[in-house]
Amino acid sequence: MAVARKVILYGLVVFVLYTIITSPARAADLVQVGFEGISNAAEGVGEFMSQLIQ
């Protein structure tokens, strides 16, 4: 199980590095979309907590 996890992790790292090297603009767009999603999720949690308090 641990070996499979390492293989998957290394494969993911290689894929990410390959994507960044071959298409840096697309990789930057994907990172921006990811951070926007995280930001929206955090905003939603904050709004939910605010509504619970009221």
Protein backbone atom coordinates (compact mmCIF):
# COMPACT_ATOMS: atom_id res chain seq x y z
CA MET A 1 0.00 0.00 0.00
CA ALA A 2 2.79 2.42 0.91
CA VAL A 3 4.65 1.64 -2.31
CA ALA A 4 1.56 2.34 -4.41
CA ARG A 5 1.06 5.65 -2.62
CA LYS A 6 4.66 6.67 -3.36
CA VAL A 7 4.32 5.70 -7.03
CA ILE A 8 1.12 7.74 -7.36
CA LEU A 9 2.69 10.72 -5.58
CA TYR A 10 5.80 10.64 -7.79
CA GLY A 11 3.63 10.32 -10.88
CA LEU A 12 1.58 13.33 -9.82
CA VAL A 13 4.72 15.39 -9.17
CA VAL A 14 6.14 14.46 -12.59
CA PHE A 15 2.85 15.35 -14.27
CA VAL A 16 2.69 18.75 -12.53
CA LEU A 17 6.29 19.57 -13.44
CA TYR A 18 5.70 18.48 -17.04
CA THR A 19 2.61 20.67 -17.26
CA ILE A 20 4.46 23.69 -15.83
CA ILE A 21 7.43 23.26 -18.17
CA THR A 22 5.45 22.66 -21.36
CA SER A 23 2.67 25.18 -20.77
CA PRO A 24 3.42 27.74 -18.04
CA ALA A 25 0.54 30.05 -18.99
CA ARG A 26 -2.01 27.23 -18.76
CA ALA A 27 -0.48 26.07 -15.46
CA ALA A 28 -0.79 29.60 -14.07
CA ASP A 29 -4.44 29.72 -15.14
CA LEU A 30 -5.12 26.42 -13.37
CA VAL A 31 -3.46 27.64 -10.18
CA GLN A 32 -5.49 30.85 -10.29
CA VAL A 33 -8.72 28.89 -10.73
CA GLY A 34 -7.75 26.67 -7.80
CA PHE A 35 -7.06 29.59 -5.50
CA GLU A 36 -10.29 31.29 -6.55
CA GLY A 37 -12.16 28.12 -5.65
CA ILE A 38 -10.48 27.95 -2.25
CA SER A 39 -11.23 31.63 -1.67
CA ASN A 40 -14.89 31.16 -2.58
CA ALA A 41 -15.17 28.15 -0.30
CA ALA A 42 -13.63 30.06 2.61
CA GLU A 43 -15.97 32.98 1.97
CA GLY A 44 -18.94 30.61 1.99
CA VAL A 45 -17.85 29.04 5.29
CA GLY A 46 -17.41 32.50 6.81
CA GLU A 47 -20.85 33.56 5.66
CA PHE A 48 -22.35 30.33 7.03
CA MET A 49 -20.72 30.88 10.41
CA SER A 50 -21.94 34.50 10.47
CA GLN A 51 -25.49 33.33 9.81
CA LEU A 52 -25.22 30.77 12.61
CA ILE A 53 -24.24 33.48 15.07
CA GLN A 54 -27.17 35.74 14.14
